[in-house]
Protein backbone atom coordinates (compact mmCIF):
# COMPACT_ATOMS: atom_id res chain seq x y z
CA MET A 1 66.78 292.86 52.71
CA ARG A 2 64.90 291.51 55.71
CA PRO A 3 65.56 292.97 59.19
CA PHE A 4 68.74 291.70 60.85
CA PRO A 5 67.03 290.33 64.03
CA ASN A 6 64.73 288.16 61.86
CA ARG A 7 67.77 286.72 60.10
CA ILE A 8 69.39 285.82 63.43
CA GLN A 9 66.16 284.22 64.64
CA SER A 10 65.78 282.20 61.44
CA LEU A 11 69.41 281.12 61.60
CA PHE A 12 69.09 279.79 65.13
CA CYS A 13 65.80 278.05 64.30
CA GLY A 14 67.46 276.38 61.34
CA LEU A 15 70.45 275.27 63.41
CA ILE A 16 68.22 273.89 66.15
CA LEU A 17 66.07 272.06 63.60
CA SER A 18 69.09 270.53 61.89
CA ALA A 19 70.73 269.54 65.17
CA ALA A 20 67.54 267.92 66.44
CA ALA A 21 67.04 266.05 63.18
CA PHE A 22 70.55 264.64 63.21
CA ALA A 23 70.32 263.84 66.92
CA ILE A 24 67.36 261.52 66.36
CA GLY A 25 68.96 259.91 63.32
CA ALA A 26 66.75 261.55 60.71
CA THR A 27 67.07 260.40 57.11
CA ASP A 28 67.77 262.68 54.15
CA ASP A 29 64.08 262.49 53.28
CA ASP A 30 63.14 263.69 56.78
CA LEU A 31 65.32 266.75 56.22
CA ALA A 32 64.59 267.47 52.55
CA ARG A 33 60.80 267.33 52.43
CA PRO A 34 60.14 269.98 55.15
CA LEU A 35 62.72 272.32 53.58
CA LEU A 36 61.12 272.06 50.14
CA MET A 37 57.67 272.63 51.62
CA GLN A 38 58.97 275.63 53.55
CA ALA A 39 60.37 277.10 50.32
CA MET A 40 56.95 276.64 48.73
CA ASP A 41 55.22 278.24 51.70
CA ASN A 42 57.57 281.25 51.54
CA GLN A 43 56.66 281.79 47.88
CA TYR A 44 53.93 284.38 47.38
CA HIS A 45 50.62 283.02 46.07
CA GLY A 46 47.81 285.32 45.05
CA ARG A 47 46.38 287.30 42.17
CA TYR A 48 48.67 289.70 40.39
CA GLN A 49 49.73 291.08 37.03
CA ALA A 50 53.12 292.23 35.79
CA THR A 51 54.89 293.41 32.69
CA MET A 52 57.19 290.72 31.37
CA GLU A 53 60.41 290.73 29.36
CA ILE A 54 62.18 287.71 27.86
CA VAL A 55 65.55 287.56 26.14
CA ASN A 56 66.08 284.26 24.33
CA GLU A 57 69.60 283.72 22.98
CA THR A 58 70.93 280.80 20.93
CA PHE A 59 74.24 280.21 19.18
CA ALA A 60 72.55 279.78 15.79
CA ASP A 61 69.92 282.54 15.86
CA GLY A 62 71.35 285.15 18.22
CA LYS A 63 69.13 287.18 20.55
CA ASP A 64 65.38 287.53 20.36
CA SER A 65 63.70 289.91 22.79
CA LEU A 66 60.01 289.72 23.62
CA ALA A 67 57.97 291.97 25.87
CA GLY A 68 54.39 291.90 27.12
CA TRP A 69 52.48 291.03 30.26
CA ALA A 70 51.68 288.12 32.55
CA GLU A 71 48.73 287.46 34.83
CA PHE A 72 48.50 284.93 37.66
CA ALA A 73 45.50 283.76 39.69
CA ASP A 74 47.01 281.14 41.99
CA ASP A 75 43.79 280.42 43.90
CA VAL A 76 42.06 279.10 40.75
CA GLY A 77 45.21 277.86 39.01
CA GLU A 78 45.36 280.26 36.06
CA ARG A 79 48.40 281.63 34.25
CA ARG A 80 48.33 283.92 31.21
CA MET A 81 51.21 285.36 29.19
CA CYS A 82 51.17 287.54 26.12
CA LEU A 83 54.51 288.44 24.45
CA ALA A 84 55.61 289.94 21.16
CA GLY A 85 58.96 290.73 19.54
CA SER A 86 60.66 291.38 16.23
CA LYS A 87 60.80 287.69 15.27
CA LYS A 88 57.64 286.16 16.72
CA ALA A 89 54.67 286.54 19.05
CA PHE A 90 53.58 284.29 21.88
CA GLU A 91 50.25 284.05 23.70
CA TYR A 92 49.67 281.35 26.30
CA LYS A 93 47.16 280.52 29.00
CA SER A 94 46.75 277.70 31.49
CA LEU A 95 43.47 276.95 33.25
CA ASN A 96 42.32 274.77 36.14
CA PHE A 97 45.79 274.21 37.63
CA GLY A 98 47.28 273.14 34.33
CA LYS A 99 44.61 270.66 33.26
CA GLU A 100 44.12 272.81 30.18
CA GLN A 101 46.80 274.73 28.29
CA TRP A 102 46.15 276.93 25.27
CA ILE A 103 48.37 278.80 22.84
CA THR A 104 47.72 281.18 19.95
CA ASP A 105 49.37 279.84 16.81
CA ASP A 106 51.94 282.31 15.51
CA ASN A 107 51.20 281.56 11.85
CA SER A 108 47.41 281.17 11.66
CA GLN A 109 46.58 283.22 14.78
CA ARG A 110 44.20 280.45 15.81
CA VAL A 111 43.85 279.46 19.46
CA ARG A 112 44.62 275.78 19.91
CA ARG A 113 44.69 273.49 22.91
CA ILE A 114 47.99 271.84 23.81
CA ALA A 115 47.45 268.09 24.12
CA ASN A 116 48.88 266.30 27.15
CA ARG A 117 51.38 264.43 24.95
CA GLN A 118 52.78 267.81 23.84
CA TRP A 119 53.45 269.18 27.33
CA LYS A 120 57.08 268.08 27.20
CA LYS A 121 57.75 270.01 23.97
CA GLY A 122 59.88 273.13 24.12
CA VAL A 123 58.34 276.59 24.25
CA PHE A 124 61.56 278.56 23.73
CA GLY A 125 63.91 276.08 22.08
CA THR A 126 64.79 273.31 24.54
CA LEU A 127 65.00 275.46 27.65
CA LEU A 128 61.36 275.77 28.67
CA THR A 129 58.64 273.18 28.14
CA TYR A 130 54.89 273.64 28.54
CA GLU A 131 55.16 271.53 31.66
CA ASP A 132 57.82 273.90 33.01
CA MET A 133 55.42 276.79 32.40
CA LEU A 134 53.05 275.19 34.90
CA LYS A 135 55.65 274.29 37.51
CA LEU A 136 58.13 277.15 37.69
CA PRO A 137 59.44 278.41 39.95
CA VAL A 138 58.70 276.03 42.87
CA ASP A 139 55.74 273.80 41.96
CA PHE A 140 58.10 271.00 40.93
CA PHE A 141 58.41 270.44 44.68
CA LEU A 142 54.81 269.19 44.67
CA GLU A 143 56.01 266.22 42.63
CA TYR A 144 58.71 265.28 45.16
CA SER A 145 59.19 261.53 45.47
CA SER A 146 62.43 260.89 47.35
CA CYS A 147 65.74 262.41 48.30
CA LYS A 148 69.15 261.12 47.24
CA GLY A 149 71.18 263.44 49.45
CA VAL A 150 71.21 266.68 51.46
CA LYS A 151 74.21 268.98 51.95
CA THR A 152 74.36 272.09 54.11
CA THR A 153 76.64 275.10 53.69
CA ASP A 154 76.81 278.37 55.60
CA SER A 155 74.11 279.94 53.43
CA THR A 156 72.36 277.14 51.49
CA TYR A 157 70.72 273.73 51.55
CA GLN A 158 71.54 271.49 48.58
CA ILE A 159 69.01 268.74 47.92
CA CYS A 160 69.12 266.01 45.29
CA MET A 161 65.48 265.02 44.69
CA THR A 162 63.67 262.60 42.41
CA LEU A 163 60.19 263.20 41.03
CA LYS A 164 57.10 261.04 41.01
CA PRO A 165 57.11 258.34 38.29
CA LEU A 166 54.81 260.37 36.02
CA PHE A 167 57.47 263.08 35.73
CA GLN A 168 60.51 260.80 35.56
CA SER A 169 59.80 260.22 31.86
CA PHE A 170 61.45 263.60 31.25
CA TYR A 171 63.47 264.55 34.35
CA SER A 172 65.14 261.72 36.29
CA ARG A 173 66.14 264.07 39.10
CA ILE A 174 66.53 267.72 40.09
CA ASP A 175 69.36 269.14 42.19
CA VAL A 176 67.88 271.99 44.23
CA THR A 177 69.71 274.82 46.00
CA LEU A 178 67.78 276.70 48.68
CA ASP A 179 68.84 279.86 50.48
CA LYS A 180 68.69 279.52 54.26
CA ASN A 181 67.44 282.89 55.49
CA PRO A 182 64.72 282.98 54.35
CA VAL A 183 64.34 279.50 52.83
CA LEU A 184 63.88 280.34 49.14
CA LEU A 185 64.70 278.66 45.87
CA ARG A 186 68.06 279.82 44.51
CA GLY A 187 68.60 277.34 41.68
CA MET A 188 67.76 273.98 40.10
CA THR A 189 69.71 271.65 37.83
CA PHE A 190 67.59 269.30 35.70
CA TYR A 191 68.83 265.84 34.64
CA GLY A 192 67.47 263.64 31.86
CA THR A 193 66.33 260.02 31.94
CA HIS A 194 69.89 258.71 31.49
CA GLY A 195 71.38 260.98 34.16
CA GLU A 196 72.58 263.58 31.66
CA LYS A 197 72.57 267.23 32.70
CA LEU A 198 69.95 269.11 30.66
CA LYS A 199 69.74 272.67 31.97
CA THR A 200 70.10 274.92 34.99
CA LEU A 201 67.79 277.53 36.45
CA GLN A 202 68.88 280.45 38.63
CA VAL A 203 66.51 282.79 40.48
CA LYS A 204 68.18 286.20 40.39
CA SER A 205 65.88 288.27 42.60
CA TYR A 206 62.70 288.28 44.68
CA LYS A 207 60.21 290.90 45.82
CA GLN A 208 58.66 290.72 49.28
CA MET A 209 54.88 290.89 49.48
CA GLU A 210 52.93 290.51 52.74
CA GLY A 211 55.65 288.44 54.37
CA LYS A 212 56.05 286.18 51.33
CA TRP A 213 58.46 286.32 48.40
CA LEU A 214 57.68 286.71 44.70
CA MET A 215 60.21 285.81 42.00
CA THR A 216 61.01 288.81 39.78
CA GLN A 217 63.93 287.59 37.66
CA MET A 218 65.29 284.19 36.64
CA SER A 219 67.57 282.69 34.01
CA LEU A 220 67.85 279.33 32.25
CA ALA A 221 70.86 277.88 30.44
CA ASP A 222 71.30 274.57 28.63
CA ASN A 223 74.08 272.12 29.37
CA ASP A 224 76.41 273.11 26.51
CA SER A 225 75.84 276.87 27.08
CA LEU A 226 74.63 277.37 23.50
CA ALA A 227 71.25 278.68 24.62
CA SER A 228 70.06 280.93 27.45
CA LEU A 229 66.81 282.51 28.52
CA GLN A 230 66.31 285.54 30.76
CA MET A 231 62.88 286.25 32.28
CA CYS A 232 62.09 289.49 34.11
CA PHE A 233 58.84 290.63 35.77
CA LYS A 234 58.24 294.29 36.62
CA ASN A 235 55.48 296.79 37.44
CA PHE A 236 53.46 294.44 39.60
CA SER A 237 49.80 295.08 40.27
CA PHE A 238 48.11 293.11 43.04
CA THR A 239 44.37 292.52 43.46
CA GLY A 240 42.41 291.39 46.46
CA THR A 241 45.19 292.08 48.99
CA PRO A 242 45.25 294.60 51.86
CA LEU A 243 48.13 296.46 50.21
CA ALA A 244 46.22 296.68 46.94
CA GLN A 245 43.10 297.91 48.76
CA LYS A 246 45.19 300.53 50.57
CA GLU A 247 46.72 301.61 47.26
CA ARG A 248 43.29 301.90 45.63
CA ALA A 249 41.99 303.94 48.58
CA LYS A 250 44.95 306.31 48.24
CA ASN A 251 44.32 306.68 44.51
CA LEU A 252 40.63 307.42 45.11
CA SER A 253 41.64 310.09 47.62
CA LEU A 254 43.94 311.69 45.06
CA ILE A 255 41.24 311.59 42.37
CA SER A 256 38.73 313.29 44.65
CA SER A 257 41.16 316.10 45.43
CA ARG A 258 42.34 316.67 41.85
CA PRO A 259 40.49 317.09 38.54
CA LEU A 260 40.52 313.99 36.35
CA VAL A 261 42.17 314.65 32.98
CA ILE A 262 41.67 312.00 30.28
CA PRO A 263 44.43 312.04 27.63
CA SER A 264 43.51 312.21 23.97
CA PRO A 265 44.30 309.20 21.74
CA SER A 266 47.31 311.04 20.32
CA GLU A 267 48.74 311.40 23.80
CA GLY A 268 48.27 307.72 24.65
CA GLY A 269 45.54 306.60 26.98
CA GLY A 270 47.34 303.55 28.36
CA SER A 271 48.75 303.47 31.84
CA GLN A 272 51.35 301.28 33.50
CA ASP A 273 51.01 300.06 37.07
CA SER A 274 53.89 300.86 39.35
CA ASP A 275 55.32 298.58 42.00
CA VAL A 276 53.35 298.48 45.23
CA GLU A 277 54.89 300.68 47.87
CA GLY A 278 56.46 299.14 50.94
CA VAL A 279 57.75 295.95 49.32
CA GLU A 280 61.34 294.77 49.67
CA GLU A 281 63.56 293.16 47.06
CA ILE A 282 66.27 290.57 47.54
CA SER A 283 68.86 289.45 45.01
CA ASN A 284 70.76 286.18 44.96
């Protein structure tokens, strides 16, 4: 968890901000937009890789577990995921901030481009669309159009937001819950074009990295609770950051002081990156 004095400071800043906003007669939009942007700013953006585990469960088919890896390059807008399990395999990549999405066909093993008209199709049943793959966890806030209400509790902000017209063809609105200290996404409830509740998302835990926060575990559930999806990211490896450079320097120092032993193929030559030292984790 973050240091106690920082929590007190953030709490007082939040109270002062809210009091000032209400004092000048601020609208819900005046309150909601800065909070959503602050949640986006608190989210870690960079280049990193991680092992990835998904458990997809439906009433009809039971559980299907997939495991693999994910790679993110936020500065150039790239996302790559490669997963495999007992029932199917999944390989996906998004380039140029989502302008291009590609998937490897499970049957023919051919790489095909996902047309724009297919972005609203489900990836894992009805819980995750290709458009969601681009936006989660917080990039839906970039498509903010207006606010229909803001509520404040002791620990959260609850915002009812609508999306820009381009995105209202699938989601009419999203109810967002933000933690206060720090301001981070806790959950979202998605509603369809007729106001029907479609699914909910919960962020279970974060990892702190260079003063920002990186989502490590989240879950999705549909409205009738007949399907759920658990996503977990572990064994992060960061590139191009001071912490990563420090870690590489430490590893080089260890290599120079110890003989390098390369395992034989029978012993397994693969290696798995461990979590960067000095990071904190927070659970909701």
